[in-house]
Amino acid sequence: METMFPLSLAGVGFAPGGTPVLQGVTLDIGQHSRIVILGANGAGKSVLIRLMHGLIKPSAGSIRWAGSDARPSAQALVFQRPVMLRRSALANVAYGLKLDGTPRPERQRRAETALARVGLAHLAHRPARVLSGGEQQRVALARAWALEPRILFLDEPTASLDPNAAAAVERIIRDIHGAGTSIVMSTHNLGQARRLADEIIFLHRGRVAERTPAALFFQQPQSAEADDFLKGELP
């Protein structure tokens, strides 16, 4: 099993074209974490998720896994709007396993198990692109869960979903965490953050303004920026 934790960011910045989006981000992410990243639009939430996953590289600073620069494979990322291939829901999940190097005999079994876990076994052979937005997001979560990641990054996973679909996705996120996967997600939904987070990372203008246990963040934010954000006073 890969050694992954802590995931450590030291002085991380991201400035495409010289324009700073993130600056001086220093964080440690431990095993069994359930962290929600909050901040106003443009604060850098999605960029931070992509940097931690390794989808993009920092302009400054370092990102290390258990002291190593090597990016481990036992992680996954689910976007706000998942990409569905022109194939069945089951084949979408199995394709992720193929890319991960899972032997062919195991792919079908693990893909079927993952779809059952997210409540979509009955739609396994339906073309993924004709499914509803909520169902597609559940396929994306099944595709990630089938990889058995030790950490799952989620970028606004319910932003475009109706309340019922969002509640189904939240239940799956809890199940994935309960199975032993660390969760790091961004959201704009304060109610969702209250329900899912053990810790809050609050970004303000590309910097970490606060990191605190979720209950304390909502009851007594430690920074003026977070207090303004909770009051709806940040732009």
Protein backbone atom coordinates (compact mmCIF):
# COMPACT_ATOMS: atom_id res chain seq x y z
CA MET A 1 0.00 0.00 0.00
CA GLU A 2 1.27 3.44 -0.93
CA THR A 3 2.47 5.76 1.80
CA MET A 4 0.55 8.99 1.24
CA PHE A 5 0.09 11.00 4.38
CA PRO A 6 0.60 13.68 5.28
CA LEU A 7 -0.07 15.53 2.05
CA SER A 8 2.01 18.66 2.70
CA LEU A 9 1.84 21.98 0.88
CA ALA A 10 4.63 24.44 1.69
CA GLY A 11 4.47 28.01 0.39
CA VAL A 12 2.40 26.95 -2.61
CA GLY A 13 1.49 29.60 -5.14
CA PHE A 14 -0.19 29.54 -8.52
CA ALA A 15 0.16 32.48 -10.86
CA PRO A 16 -0.66 31.67 -14.49
CA GLY A 17 0.59 34.45 -16.72
CA GLY A 18 1.99 36.20 -13.67
CA THR A 19 -1.41 36.84 -12.10
CA PRO A 20 -1.52 35.34 -8.58
CA VAL A 21 -4.46 33.04 -7.89
CA LEU A 22 -3.01 31.34 -4.81
CA GLN A 23 -0.19 32.62 -2.62
CA GLY A 24 1.78 31.16 0.27
CA VAL A 25 -0.48 28.19 0.97
CA THR A 26 0.99 25.95 3.67
CA LEU A 27 -1.12 22.99 4.81
CA ASP A 28 -0.89 19.40 6.01
CA ILE A 29 -3.69 16.96 5.14
CA GLY A 30 -3.78 13.86 7.31
CA GLN A 31 -5.28 10.42 6.96
CA HIS A 32 -9.04 10.04 7.70
CA SER A 33 -9.53 13.77 7.12
CA ARG A 34 -12.86 15.22 6.05
CA ILE A 35 -12.01 18.75 4.99
CA VAL A 36 -14.17 21.32 3.23
CA ILE A 37 -12.62 24.31 1.48
CA LEU A 38 -14.75 27.45 1.63
CA GLY A 39 -14.33 30.93 0.21
CA ALA A 40 -15.96 33.53 -1.99
CA ASN A 41 -16.01 33.15 -5.76
CA GLY A 42 -12.48 33.60 -7.08
CA ALA A 43 -10.84 32.75 -3.75
CA GLY A 44 -8.96 29.85 -5.34
CA LYS A 45 -10.93 26.82 -4.09
CA SER A 46 -10.98 24.87 -7.34
CA VAL A 47 -7.36 25.71 -8.10
CA LEU A 48 -6.28 24.43 -4.70
CA ILE A 49 -8.15 21.14 -5.28
CA ARG A 50 -6.47 20.69 -8.66
CA LEU A 51 -3.03 21.47 -7.25
CA MET A 52 -3.39 18.95 -4.44
CA HIS A 53 -4.58 16.28 -6.86
CA GLY A 54 -1.68 17.01 -9.19
CA LEU A 55 -3.75 18.04 -12.18
CA ILE A 56 -1.82 21.31 -12.35
CA LYS A 57 1.59 22.24 -10.97
CA PRO A 58 2.32 25.10 -8.58
CA SER A 59 4.17 28.20 -9.70
CA ALA A 60 5.90 28.36 -6.33
CA GLY A 61 6.41 26.16 -3.30
CA SER A 62 6.18 22.39 -3.01
CA ILE A 63 3.56 19.66 -2.70
CA ARG A 64 4.81 16.45 -1.12
CA TRP A 65 3.20 13.14 -0.18
CA ALA A 66 4.68 11.62 2.98
CA GLY A 67 7.87 13.54 2.26
CA SER A 68 8.10 12.50 -1.39
CA ASP A 69 7.63 14.51 -4.57
CA ALA A 70 6.14 11.45 -6.29
CA ARG A 71 2.39 11.75 -6.88
CA PRO A 72 0.71 8.55 -5.64
CA SER A 73 -1.93 6.78 -7.70
CA ALA A 74 -4.32 5.95 -4.84
CA GLN A 75 -6.30 9.16 -5.20
CA ALA A 76 -9.17 10.42 -7.34
CA LEU A 77 -10.85 13.69 -8.34
CA VAL A 78 -14.52 14.30 -9.14
CA PHE A 79 -15.50 17.54 -10.86
CA GLN A 80 -18.67 19.63 -10.67
CA ARG A 81 -19.65 18.49 -14.16
CA PRO A 82 -18.25 15.00 -14.77
CA VAL A 83 -17.20 13.85 -18.22
CA MET A 84 -19.19 10.83 -19.37
CA LEU A 85 -17.88 8.66 -22.20
CA ARG A 86 -20.17 7.49 -25.01
CA ARG A 87 -20.78 4.14 -23.38
CA SER A 88 -22.84 2.61 -20.60
CA ALA A 89 -22.63 3.63 -16.96
CA LEU A 90 -20.93 0.32 -16.20
CA ALA A 91 -18.42 0.78 -19.02
CA ASN A 92 -17.61 4.28 -17.76
CA VAL A 93 -16.67 2.86 -14.37
CA ALA A 94 -14.78 -0.07 -15.89
CA TYR A 95 -12.81 2.28 -18.15
CA GLY A 96 -11.46 4.12 -15.12
CA LEU A 97 -10.25 0.80 -13.76
CA LYS A 98 -8.63 -0.03 -17.10
CA LEU A 99 -6.67 3.23 -17.03
CA ASP A 100 -5.59 2.42 -13.50
CA GLY A 101 -4.17 -0.91 -14.66
CA THR A 102 -6.75 -3.18 -13.06
CA PRO A 103 -6.64 -6.66 -14.65
CA ARG A 104 -9.55 -7.34 -17.00
CA PRO A 105 -11.14 -10.13 -14.88
CA GLU A 106 -11.48 -7.72 -11.93
CA ARG A 107 -12.89 -4.74 -13.80
CA GLN A 108 -16.46 -5.98 -14.26
CA ARG A 109 -16.80 -7.12 -10.66
CA ARG A 110 -15.41 -3.92 -9.17
CA ALA A 111 -17.42 -1.72 -11.54
CA GLU A 112 -20.64 -3.55 -10.69
CA THR A 113 -19.91 -3.30 -6.98
CA ALA A 114 -19.22 0.43 -7.22
CA LEU A 115 -22.44 1.12 -9.11
CA ALA A 116 -24.40 -0.87 -6.54
CA ARG A 117 -22.84 1.18 -3.76
CA VAL A 118 -24.14 4.41 -5.29
CA GLY A 119 -27.58 2.94 -6.00
CA LEU A 120 -27.29 2.68 -9.77
CA ALA A 121 -27.06 -1.07 -10.36
CA HIS A 122 -30.39 -0.91 -12.24
CA LEU A 123 -28.91 1.62 -14.69
CA ALA A 124 -25.62 -0.18 -15.29
CA HIS A 125 -26.30 -0.76 -18.99
CA ARG A 126 -27.97 2.60 -19.70
CA PRO A 127 -25.90 5.03 -21.81
CA ALA A 128 -24.25 7.32 -19.29
CA ARG A 129 -24.90 10.47 -21.30
CA VAL A 130 -28.69 10.05 -21.16
CA LEU A 131 -28.73 9.89 -17.37
CA SER A 132 -29.80 12.86 -15.28
CA GLY A 133 -27.20 15.22 -13.88
CA GLY A 134 -27.50 13.66 -10.44
CA GLU A 135 -27.18 10.15 -11.84
CA GLN A 136 -24.12 11.14 -13.86
CA GLN A 137 -22.49 12.54 -10.74
CA ARG A 138 -23.20 9.27 -8.95
CA VAL A 139 -21.57 7.39 -11.85
CA ALA A 140 -18.55 9.68 -11.46
CA LEU A 141 -18.43 8.90 -7.74
CA ALA A 142 -18.71 5.18 -8.50
CA ARG A 143 -15.87 5.52 -11.01
CA ALA A 144 -13.72 7.16 -8.33
CA TRP A 145 -14.75 4.78 -5.54
CA ALA A 146 -13.99 1.73 -7.68
CA LEU A 147 -10.34 2.84 -7.68
CA GLU A 148 -10.31 2.43 -3.89
CA PRO A 149 -8.62 5.81 -3.37
CA ARG A 150 -7.07 6.68 -0.05
CA ILE A 151 -7.98 10.33 -0.68
CA LEU A 152 -10.83 11.71 -2.81
CA PHE A 153 -10.88 15.30 -4.04
CA LEU A 154 -14.28 16.78 -4.86
CA ASP A 155 -14.67 20.11 -6.64
CA GLU A 156 -18.15 21.56 -6.02
CA PRO A 157 -19.72 18.11 -6.50
CA THR A 158 -23.35 19.23 -6.07
CA ALA A 159 -23.24 22.78 -7.45
CA SER A 160 -25.53 22.09 -10.41
CA LEU A 161 -27.84 19.52 -8.79
CA ASP A 162 -31.35 19.78 -7.37
CA PRO A 163 -31.79 19.22 -3.61
CA ASN A 164 -32.74 15.54 -3.88
CA ALA A 165 -29.79 14.71 -6.14
CA ALA A 166 -27.46 16.73 -3.91
CA ALA A 167 -28.65 14.82 -0.83
CA ALA A 168 -27.95 11.51 -2.61
CA VAL A 169 -24.43 12.66 -3.45
CA GLU A 170 -23.83 13.75 0.16
CA ARG A 171 -24.87 10.29 1.38
CA ILE A 172 -22.37 8.70 -0.98
CA ILE A 173 -19.60 11.03 0.18
CA ARG A 174 -20.31 9.99 3.78
CA ASP A 175 -20.21 6.32 2.74
CA ILE A 176 -16.90 6.75 0.93
CA HIS A 177 -15.40 8.45 3.98
CA GLY A 178 -16.84 5.76 6.24
CA ALA A 179 -15.07 3.14 4.13
CA GLY A 180 -11.73 4.74 5.01
CA THR A 181 -11.12 7.35 2.31
CA SER A 182 -10.02 10.87 3.26
CA ILE A 183 -12.17 13.60 1.72
CA VAL A 184 -11.09 17.06 0.58
CA MET A 185 -13.84 19.03 -1.15
CA SER A 186 -14.72 22.54 -2.16
CA THR A 187 -18.23 23.91 -1.94
CA HIS A 188 -20.12 27.19 -1.91
CA ASN A 189 -22.93 25.61 0.13
CA LEU A 190 -22.62 26.47 3.82
CA GLY A 191 -25.27 23.96 4.85
CA GLN A 192 -23.37 21.22 3.04
CA ALA A 193 -20.15 22.27 4.72
CA ARG A 194 -21.84 22.04 8.13
CA ARG A 195 -23.11 18.56 7.33
CA LEU A 196 -19.94 17.08 5.86
CA ALA A 197 -16.89 18.83 7.28
CA ASP A 198 -14.78 17.94 10.25
CA GLU A 199 -12.43 20.80 9.38
CA ILE A 200 -12.79 23.99 7.34
CA ILE A 201 -10.08 25.61 5.26
CA PHE A 202 -11.21 29.16 4.48
CA LEU A 203 -9.58 30.91 1.54
CA HIS A 204 -9.62 34.65 1.04
CA ARG A 205 -8.08 36.21 -2.05
CA GLY A 206 -5.85 33.23 -2.68
CA ARG A 207 -4.54 32.83 0.86
CA VAL A 208 -5.52 30.58 3.75
CA ALA A 209 -7.24 32.97 6.13
CA GLU A 210 -8.30 30.28 8.57
CA ARG A 211 -8.18 26.56 9.23
CA THR A 212 -10.27 25.36 12.12
CA PRO A 213 -12.63 22.59 13.27
CA ALA A 214 -15.95 22.96 11.48
CA ALA A 215 -18.05 23.48 14.61
CA LEU A 216 -15.78 26.29 15.81
CA PHE A 217 -15.68 27.89 12.35
CA PHE A 218 -19.45 28.27 12.23
CA GLN A 219 -19.86 29.26 15.87
CA GLN A 220 -16.85 31.54 16.30
CA PRO A 221 -14.77 32.22 13.17
CA GLN A 222 -11.21 33.23 14.00
CA SER A 223 -10.68 35.74 11.18
CA ALA A 224 -12.55 38.89 10.23
CA GLU A 225 -12.74 37.66 6.63
CA ALA A 226 -14.44 34.41 7.66
CA ASP A 227 -16.85 36.30 9.87
CA ASP A 228 -17.78 38.58 6.96
CA PHE A 229 -18.16 35.56 4.68
CA LEU A 230 -20.58 33.84 7.05
CA LYS A 231 -22.58 37.04 7.34
CA GLY A 232 -22.77 37.27 3.55
CA GLU A 233 -20.74 40.47 3.48
CA LEU A 234 -17.87 39.32 1.24
CA PRO A 235 -18.25 40.07 -2.49
